[in-house]
N, C-alpha and C. Protein backbone atom coordinates (compact mmCIF):
# COMPACT_ATOMS: atom_id res chain seq x y z
N UNK A 1 99.26 120.50 135.25
CA UNK A 1 99.54 119.52 136.36
C UNK A 1 99.09 120.62 138.11
N UNK A 2 98.55 120.45 138.80
CA UNK A 2 98.35 121.29 139.99
C UNK A 2 99.39 121.15 140.58
N UNK A 3 99.61 122.62 141.14
CA UNK A 3 100.35 122.96 142.35
C UNK A 3 99.79 123.26 143.34
N UNK A 4 100.57 122.70 144.65
CA UNK A 4 100.37 122.40 146.12
C UNK A 4 100.75 123.10 146.88
N UNK A 5 100.09 123.98 147.75
CA UNK A 5 100.08 124.64 148.45
C UNK A 5 99.86 124.12 150.30
N UNK A 6 100.92 124.44 151.13
CA UNK A 6 100.22 124.74 152.52
C UNK A 6 100.35 125.76 153.17
N UNK A 7 99.41 126.52 153.79
CA UNK A 7 99.34 127.61 154.59
C UNK A 7 99.14 127.13 155.73
N UNK A 8 100.20 127.48 156.94
CA UNK A 8 100.51 126.83 158.02
C UNK A 8 100.50 128.04 159.35
N UNK A 9 99.88 127.75 160.27
CA UNK A 9 99.96 128.87 161.50
C UNK A 9 100.08 127.89 162.85
N UNK A 10 100.56 128.77 163.79
CA UNK A 10 100.27 128.23 165.10
C UNK A 10 99.92 129.74 166.00
N UNK A 11 99.37 129.32 167.42
CA UNK A 11 98.51 129.96 168.19
C UNK A 11 98.66 129.34 169.49
N UNK A 12 98.82 130.28 170.78
CA UNK A 12 99.49 130.02 171.75
C UNK A 12 98.71 131.06 172.75
N UNK A 13 97.76 130.57 173.76
CA UNK A 13 97.26 131.67 174.76
C UNK A 13 97.70 131.83 176.04
N UNK A 14 99.26 132.56 176.07
CA UNK A 14 100.10 132.51 176.88
C UNK A 14 101.06 131.33 176.21
N UNK A 15 102.50 132.09 176.80
CA UNK A 15 103.59 131.38 176.17
C UNK A 15 104.43 130.87 176.86
N UNK A 16 104.60 129.82 177.71
CA UNK A 16 103.95 128.55 177.16
C UNK A 16 102.07 128.92 177.76
N UNK A 17 101.62 127.75 177.35
CA UNK A 17 100.24 128.00 177.88
C UNK A 17 99.08 126.69 176.71
N UNK A 18 97.86 127.25 176.52
CA UNK A 18 97.40 126.30 175.52
C UNK A 18 97.71 126.87 174.12
N UNK A 19 97.54 125.89 173.28
CA UNK A 19 98.34 126.19 171.79
C UNK A 19 97.44 125.62 171.08
N UNK A 20 97.51 126.11 169.57
CA UNK A 20 97.12 125.22 168.38
C UNK A 20 97.71 125.49 166.93
N UNK A 21 97.73 124.52 166.48
CA UNK A 21 97.59 124.66 165.07
C UNK A 21 97.02 124.52 164.08
N UNK A 22 97.11 125.15 162.91
CA UNK A 22 96.35 125.07 161.58
C UNK A 22 97.05 124.87 160.30
N UNK A 23 96.25 124.23 159.04
CA UNK A 23 97.33 124.17 158.28
C UNK A 23 95.82 124.05 156.81
N UNK A 24 96.41 124.75 156.11
CA UNK A 24 95.02 124.77 154.97
C UNK A 24 95.82 124.36 154.00
N UNK A 25 95.62 122.88 152.98
CA UNK A 25 96.58 122.50 152.05
C UNK A 25 95.24 123.13 150.72
N UNK A 26 95.72 123.45 149.88
CA UNK A 26 95.37 123.89 148.56
C UNK A 26 96.20 123.48 147.34
N UNK A 27 95.33 122.58 146.54
CA UNK A 27 95.74 122.41 144.88
C UNK A 27 95.21 123.28 144.05
N UNK A 28 95.92 123.65 143.42
CA UNK A 28 95.46 124.89 142.42
C UNK A 28 96.16 124.41 140.57
N UNK A 29 95.37 124.60 140.11
CA UNK A 29 95.50 124.57 138.59
C UNK A 29 95.27 126.08 138.00
N UNK A 30 96.86 126.51 137.72
CA UNK A 30 96.32 128.05 137.35
C UNK A 30 95.65 128.73 138.67
N UNK A 31 94.97 129.75 138.36
CA UNK A 31 94.19 130.50 139.39
C UNK A 31 93.21 130.29 140.15
N UNK A 32 92.51 128.82 139.31
CA UNK A 32 91.38 127.78 139.87
C UNK A 32 91.78 126.85 141.14
N UNK A 33 90.99 126.80 142.10
CA UNK A 33 91.63 125.90 143.41
C UNK A 33 90.72 124.44 142.84
N UNK A 34 91.88 123.85 142.85
CA UNK A 34 91.06 122.05 142.54
C UNK A 34 90.59 121.76 143.82
N UNK A 35 91.21 121.65 144.80
CA UNK A 35 91.01 120.81 146.34
C UNK A 35 91.80 121.77 147.39
N UNK A 36 91.25 121.44 148.56
CA UNK A 36 90.92 122.13 149.91
C UNK A 36 90.80 121.68 150.84
N UNK A 37 91.75 121.55 151.70
CA UNK A 37 91.88 120.27 152.97
C UNK A 37 92.34 121.05 154.31
N UNK A 38 91.81 121.34 155.19
CA UNK A 38 91.95 122.13 156.46
C UNK A 38 92.53 120.51 157.56
N UNK A 39 93.27 120.92 158.22
CA UNK A 39 93.80 120.64 159.30
C UNK A 39 93.88 121.27 160.73
N UNK A 40 93.96 120.60 161.82
CA UNK A 40 94.30 121.53 162.72
C UNK A 40 94.33 120.38 164.26
N UNK A 41 95.03 121.22 165.07
CA UNK A 41 94.70 120.15 166.27
C UNK A 41 95.60 120.99 167.53
N UNK A 42 95.86 120.73 168.73
CA UNK A 42 96.36 121.80 169.98
C UNK A 42 97.03 120.60 170.94
N UNK A 43 97.37 121.63 172.11
CA UNK A 43 97.75 120.65 173.22
C UNK A 43 97.60 121.33 174.16
N UNK A 44 97.41 121.48 175.39
CA UNK A 44 97.15 122.02 176.73
C UNK A 44 98.18 122.72 176.86
N UNK A 45 99.23 122.21 176.89
CA UNK A 45 100.56 123.22 177.62
C UNK A 45 101.76 122.98 176.69
N UNK A 46 102.07 124.00 175.88
CA UNK A 46 103.07 124.20 174.53
C UNK A 46 103.43 125.88 174.29
N UNK A 47 103.95 126.11 173.34
CA UNK A 47 104.55 127.29 173.14
C UNK A 47 104.02 127.39 171.86
N UNK A 48 104.07 128.86 171.02
CA UNK A 48 103.68 129.31 169.73
C UNK A 48 105.03 128.27 168.93
N UNK A 49 106.01 128.33 169.21
CA UNK A 49 107.21 127.80 168.20
C UNK A 49 106.36 126.39 167.72
N UNK A 50 106.48 125.83 169.23
CA UNK A 50 105.88 124.44 168.94
C UNK A 50 104.82 124.02 167.64
N UNK A 51 103.74 125.11 168.34
CA UNK A 51 102.74 125.00 167.31
C UNK A 51 102.66 125.32 165.90
N UNK A 52 103.54 126.44 165.75
CA UNK A 52 104.15 126.83 164.03
C UNK A 52 105.18 125.64 163.72
N UNK A 53 105.58 124.88 164.31
CA UNK A 53 106.30 123.71 163.80
C UNK A 53 105.34 122.55 163.09
N UNK A 54 104.62 122.47 164.25
CA UNK A 54 103.72 121.07 164.05
C UNK A 54 102.72 121.50 162.91
N UNK A 55 102.28 122.56 162.74
CA UNK A 55 101.29 123.35 161.18
C UNK A 55 102.01 122.40 160.39
N UNK A 56 103.52 123.14 160.21
CA UNK A 56 104.01 122.39 158.99
C UNK A 56 104.36 121.20 158.87
N UNK A 57 104.49 120.66 160.01
CA UNK A 57 104.87 119.32 159.86
C UNK A 57 103.55 118.46 159.42
N UNK A 58 102.34 119.09 160.38
CA UNK A 58 101.34 118.24 159.83
C UNK A 58 100.88 118.40 158.13
N UNK A 59 101.11 119.69 157.88
CA UNK A 59 101.00 119.29 156.58
C UNK A 59 101.79 118.70 155.60
N UNK A 60 102.87 118.44 155.96
CA UNK A 60 103.83 117.43 155.01
C UNK A 60 103.80 115.67 155.56
N UNK A 61 103.14 115.70 156.96
CA UNK A 61 103.31 114.35 157.07
C UNK A 61 101.42 113.85 156.26
N UNK A 62 100.53 114.58 156.08
CA UNK A 62 99.41 114.47 155.65
C UNK A 62 99.58 114.06 153.87
N UNK A 63 100.55 114.27 153.50
CA UNK A 63 100.68 114.05 152.29
C UNK A 63 101.04 112.33 151.71
N UNK A 64 100.10 111.64 151.14
CA UNK A 64 99.80 110.43 151.00
C UNK A 64 101.17 109.72 149.78
N UNK A 65 101.76 110.67 149.17
CA UNK A 65 103.16 110.44 148.19
C UNK A 65 103.85 111.36 148.01
N UNK A 66 105.18 111.24 147.59
CA UNK A 66 106.18 112.34 147.46
C UNK A 66 105.39 113.33 146.82
N UNK A 67 105.71 114.69 147.05
CA UNK A 67 104.92 116.15 146.11
C UNK A 67 105.93 116.67 145.91
N UNK A 68 105.55 117.99 145.06
CA UNK A 68 106.29 119.21 145.32
C UNK A 68 105.26 120.13 146.01
N UNK A 69 105.48 120.70 147.23
CA UNK A 69 104.66 121.62 147.71
C UNK A 69 105.09 122.96 147.89
N UNK A 70 104.62 123.96 148.01
CA UNK A 70 105.08 125.43 148.53
C UNK A 70 104.20 125.52 149.97
N UNK A 71 105.31 125.45 151.29
CA UNK A 71 104.64 126.18 152.72
C UNK A 71 104.98 127.04 153.04
N UNK A 72 103.56 127.61 152.94
CA UNK A 72 103.51 129.49 153.30
C UNK A 72 103.44 129.66 154.87
N UNK A 73 104.31 129.86 155.52
CA UNK A 73 104.36 130.52 156.69
C UNK A 73 104.60 131.63 157.29
N UNK A 74 103.86 132.39 158.36
CA UNK A 74 103.99 133.37 158.86
C UNK A 74 105.16 133.48 160.03
N UNK A 75 106.37 132.35 160.30
CA UNK A 75 106.44 132.15 161.05
C UNK A 75 108.16 132.27 160.52
N UNK A 76 108.82 133.40 161.06
CA UNK A 76 110.38 133.20 160.62
C UNK A 76 110.97 132.38 161.34
N UNK A 77 110.79 131.93 162.08
CA UNK A 77 111.60 130.97 163.17
C UNK A 77 111.67 129.69 162.57
N UNK A 78 110.38 129.18 161.68
CA UNK A 78 110.22 128.09 160.69
C UNK A 78 110.81 128.21 159.88
N UNK A 79 110.60 129.29 158.88
CA UNK A 79 110.86 129.11 157.74
C UNK A 79 112.86 129.72 158.06
N UNK A 80 113.10 130.34 158.68
CA UNK A 80 114.86 130.71 158.88
C UNK A 80 115.34 129.09 159.48
N UNK A 81 114.65 128.38 160.26
CA UNK A 81 115.25 127.77 160.98
C UNK A 81 115.28 126.38 159.88
N UNK A 82 114.37 125.92 159.26
CA UNK A 82 114.12 124.99 158.10
C UNK A 82 114.77 125.04 156.77
N UNK A 83 115.33 126.45 156.53
CA UNK A 83 115.87 127.01 155.30
C UNK A 83 117.45 127.09 155.37
N UNK A 84 117.79 127.28 156.64
CA UNK A 84 119.29 127.66 157.16
C UNK A 84 119.90 127.25 158.35
N UNK A 85 119.27 127.11 159.69
CA UNK A 85 120.18 127.03 160.78
C UNK A 85 119.66 125.25 160.71
N UNK A 86 118.99 124.43 160.36
CA UNK A 86 119.13 123.46 160.75
C UNK A 86 119.94 122.60 159.97
N UNK A 87 120.80 123.21 158.83
CA UNK A 87 121.61 122.56 158.38
C UNK A 87 123.08 122.82 159.34
N UNK A 88 123.45 123.68 160.00
CA UNK A 88 124.49 123.97 161.19
C UNK A 88 123.96 122.94 162.43
N UNK A 89 122.85 123.16 163.24
CA UNK A 89 122.70 122.09 163.90
C UNK A 89 122.59 120.33 163.48
N UNK A 90 122.52 120.06 162.22
CA UNK A 90 122.71 118.78 162.07
C UNK A 90 124.15 118.61 162.43
N UNK A 91 124.98 119.30 161.82
CA UNK A 91 126.05 119.30 161.56
C UNK A 91 127.12 118.70 163.01
N UNK A 92 126.08 119.56 163.98
CA UNK A 92 126.41 120.14 165.57
C UNK A 92 125.94 119.18 166.47
N UNK A 93 125.23 118.15 165.69
CA UNK A 93 124.67 116.80 166.79
C UNK A 93 123.82 117.67 167.26
N UNK A 94 122.41 118.26 166.62
CA UNK A 94 121.67 119.41 167.22
C UNK A 94 122.03 120.21 168.57
N UNK A 95 122.88 120.79 167.90
CA UNK A 95 123.42 122.08 169.41
C UNK A 95 123.48 123.13 168.15
N UNK A 96 123.23 124.37 169.30
CA UNK A 96 123.71 125.58 168.13
C UNK A 96 124.89 126.10 168.35
N UNK A 97 125.20 127.08 167.67
CA UNK A 97 126.81 127.80 167.81
C UNK A 97 127.17 127.75 169.20
N UNK A 98 126.42 128.10 170.04
CA UNK A 98 126.72 128.18 171.72
C UNK A 98 126.88 127.10 171.96
N UNK A 99 126.92 125.78 171.49
CA UNK A 99 126.80 124.54 172.07
C UNK A 99 126.16 123.82 172.57
N UNK A 100 125.06 124.74 172.86
CA UNK A 100 123.60 124.12 173.41
C UNK A 100 123.03 123.39 172.96
N UNK A 101 121.82 122.53 173.35
CA UNK A 101 121.08 121.86 172.87
C UNK A 101 119.43 123.16 172.04
N UNK A 102 119.42 122.55 170.79
CA UNK A 102 118.61 122.92 170.01
C UNK A 102 117.31 123.04 170.60
N UNK A 103 116.39 123.93 170.75
CA UNK A 103 115.22 124.14 171.42
C UNK A 103 114.24 123.61 170.14
N UNK A 104 113.60 122.61 171.08
CA UNK A 104 112.05 122.01 169.98
C UNK A 104 113.12 120.97 169.36
N UNK A 105 114.10 120.28 169.50
CA UNK A 105 114.47 119.08 168.87
C UNK A 105 114.41 118.47 167.99
N UNK A 106 113.06 117.75 168.78
CA UNK A 106 112.23 116.80 168.59
C UNK A 106 111.51 117.09 167.12
N UNK A 107 110.57 118.52 167.46
CA UNK A 107 110.10 118.67 165.98
C UNK A 107 110.84 119.22 164.99
N UNK A 108 111.98 119.66 165.37
CA UNK A 108 112.73 119.79 164.01
C UNK A 108 113.36 118.86 163.10
N UNK A 109 113.68 117.72 163.88
CA UNK A 109 114.10 116.25 163.52
C UNK A 109 112.91 115.75 162.69
N UNK A 110 111.36 115.78 163.42
CA UNK A 110 110.56 115.39 162.90
C UNK A 110 110.44 116.54 161.36
N UNK A 111 110.19 117.70 161.29
CA UNK A 111 110.08 118.17 160.22
C UNK A 111 111.29 118.20 159.16
N UNK A 112 112.16 117.78 159.71
CA UNK A 112 113.44 117.40 158.73
C UNK A 112 113.14 116.10 158.03
N UNK A 113 112.73 115.28 158.83
CA UNK A 113 112.26 114.07 158.04
C UNK A 113 111.08 114.35 157.19
N UNK A 114 110.16 114.62 157.28
CA UNK A 114 109.15 115.16 156.89
C UNK A 114 109.26 115.61 155.61
N UNK A 115 110.49 116.64 155.33
CA UNK A 115 110.69 117.18 154.06
C UNK A 115 111.48 116.72 153.12
N UNK A 116 111.90 115.42 153.75
CA UNK A 116 112.97 114.85 153.05
C UNK A 116 112.11 114.01 151.89
N UNK A 117 110.75 113.78 152.42
CA UNK A 117 109.91 113.16 151.46
C UNK A 117 109.54 113.85 150.53
N UNK A 118 109.57 114.64 150.30
CA UNK A 118 108.83 115.54 148.86
C UNK A 118 110.17 116.84 148.58
N UNK A 119 109.75 117.62 147.85
CA UNK A 119 110.18 118.96 147.06
C UNK A 119 109.41 119.89 147.75
N UNK A 120 110.17 120.72 148.70
CA UNK A 120 109.79 121.69 149.21
C UNK A 120 110.31 123.15 149.42
N UNK A 121 109.21 123.84 148.64
CA UNK A 121 109.46 125.48 148.23
C UNK A 121 108.91 126.11 150.03
N UNK A 122 109.98 126.94 150.82
CA UNK A 122 109.46 127.79 151.92
C UNK A 122 109.30 129.03 151.72
N UNK A 123 108.16 129.64 151.86
CA UNK A 123 107.87 130.99 151.53
C UNK A 123 107.14 131.79 153.06
N UNK A 124 107.14 132.65 153.11
CA UNK A 124 106.91 133.66 154.38
C UNK A 124 106.40 134.81 153.90
N UNK A 125 104.98 134.88 154.67
CA UNK A 125 104.12 136.10 154.33
C UNK A 125 104.04 136.32 155.60
N UNK A 126 103.58 138.00 155.80
CA UNK A 126 103.28 138.61 156.76
C UNK A 126 102.16 138.36 157.89
N UNK A 127 102.31 137.54 158.65
CA UNK A 127 100.62 137.58 159.73
C UNK A 127 99.84 138.38 159.59
N UNK A 128 98.85 138.28 159.97
CA UNK A 128 97.80 139.20 160.28
C UNK A 128 97.78 140.28 159.27
N UNK A 129 97.85 140.18 158.02
CA UNK A 129 98.04 141.16 157.04
C UNK A 129 97.38 141.14 156.01
N UNK A 130 95.99 140.30 156.38
CA UNK A 130 94.59 140.21 155.35
C UNK A 130 95.05 138.94 154.40
N UNK A 131 95.94 138.66 154.23
CA UNK A 131 96.46 137.51 153.63
C UNK A 131 95.42 136.06 154.05
N UNK A 132 94.24 135.80 152.87
CA UNK A 132 92.93 135.08 153.22
C UNK A 132 93.61 133.61 153.76
N UNK A 133 94.56 133.07 153.13
CA UNK A 133 95.14 131.83 153.49
C UNK A 133 95.37 132.15 154.60
N UNK A 134 96.43 132.58 155.25
CA UNK A 134 96.95 132.86 156.35
C UNK A 134 95.92 133.23 157.49
N UNK A 135 94.99 134.04 157.11
CA UNK A 135 94.12 134.12 158.33
C UNK A 135 93.46 133.04 158.45
N UNK A 136 93.09 132.46 157.57
CA UNK A 136 92.29 131.02 157.64
C UNK A 136 93.02 129.95 158.40
N UNK A 137 94.27 130.23 158.05
CA UNK A 137 95.14 129.03 158.97
C UNK A 137 95.21 129.06 160.10
N UNK A 138 95.07 130.68 160.21
CA UNK A 138 95.18 131.32 161.69
C UNK A 138 93.37 130.69 162.36
N UNK A 139 92.78 131.29 161.69
CA UNK A 139 91.55 130.47 162.57
C UNK A 139 91.38 129.16 162.58
N UNK A 140 91.72 128.57 161.93
CA UNK A 140 92.22 126.99 162.12
C UNK A 140 92.76 126.63 163.66
N UNK A 141 94.01 127.49 163.74
CA UNK A 141 95.03 127.02 164.76
C UNK A 141 94.40 127.70 166.39
N UNK A 142 93.24 128.66 166.19
CA UNK A 142 92.59 128.75 167.20
C UNK A 142 91.51 128.19 167.58
N UNK A 143 90.91 127.33 166.57
CA UNK A 143 90.17 126.53 166.76
C UNK A 143 90.47 125.11 167.41
N UNK A 144 91.90 124.53 167.09
CA UNK A 144 92.67 123.75 167.68
C UNK A 144 93.24 123.92 169.14
N UNK A 145 93.58 125.26 169.34
CA UNK A 145 93.45 125.53 170.25
C UNK A 145 92.39 125.88 171.26
N UNK A 146 91.01 125.61 171.13
CA UNK A 146 89.88 126.31 171.82
C UNK A 146 89.83 125.23 173.13
N UNK A 147 89.75 123.69 172.33
CA UNK A 147 89.45 122.82 173.55
C UNK A 147 89.95 122.88 174.69
N UNK A 148 90.99 123.41 174.47
CA UNK A 148 92.58 123.32 175.24
C UNK A 148 92.40 124.49 176.52
N UNK A 149 92.04 125.60 175.84
CA UNK A 149 91.96 126.76 176.58
C UNK A 149 91.06 126.89 177.41
N UNK A 150 89.57 126.28 177.11
CA UNK A 150 88.50 125.82 178.18
C UNK A 150 88.94 125.34 179.21
N UNK A 151 89.47 124.24 179.02
CA UNK A 151 90.02 123.34 180.00
C UNK A 151 90.98 124.19 181.07
N UNK A 152 91.48 124.72 180.59
CA UNK A 152 93.12 126.02 181.18
C UNK A 152 92.24 126.76 182.11
N UNK A 153 90.72 126.76 181.68
CA UNK A 153 90.34 128.42 182.64
C UNK A 153 89.16 127.68 183.34
N UNK A 154 88.94 126.16 183.56
CA UNK A 154 88.02 125.46 184.63
C UNK A 154 88.61 125.73 185.81
């Protein structure tokens, strides 16, 4: 049976500013790549963290049936948030331990709902370190940002 991986990345030109997200979905059977799908998008005014979250959300929401998937991100914010911090936020009514509203709560809630449909393993990889799939996710994020970056400079 093929293993499913999602390599995700977000990019922003300015923070906030125009941003994009990219997702590379790969199904592997052993060392062989069986299937590949690329997704991306962007927004005119956003933050890098929102784009990192949208990349992971898009990967999970694109799956048409419950799946086992490994999501590989270069964002410690996403990895730590979804594997650790989110439990306390949910218990505290989407407030931090300092009783402040969780930043990007709308996307954290969407990610939480999306991951409940699947069996998800979360992995972190160092960004811009030559990891081919992460580099491709970064390219996709920059492509997703490009139309919004052009509009911002007009």
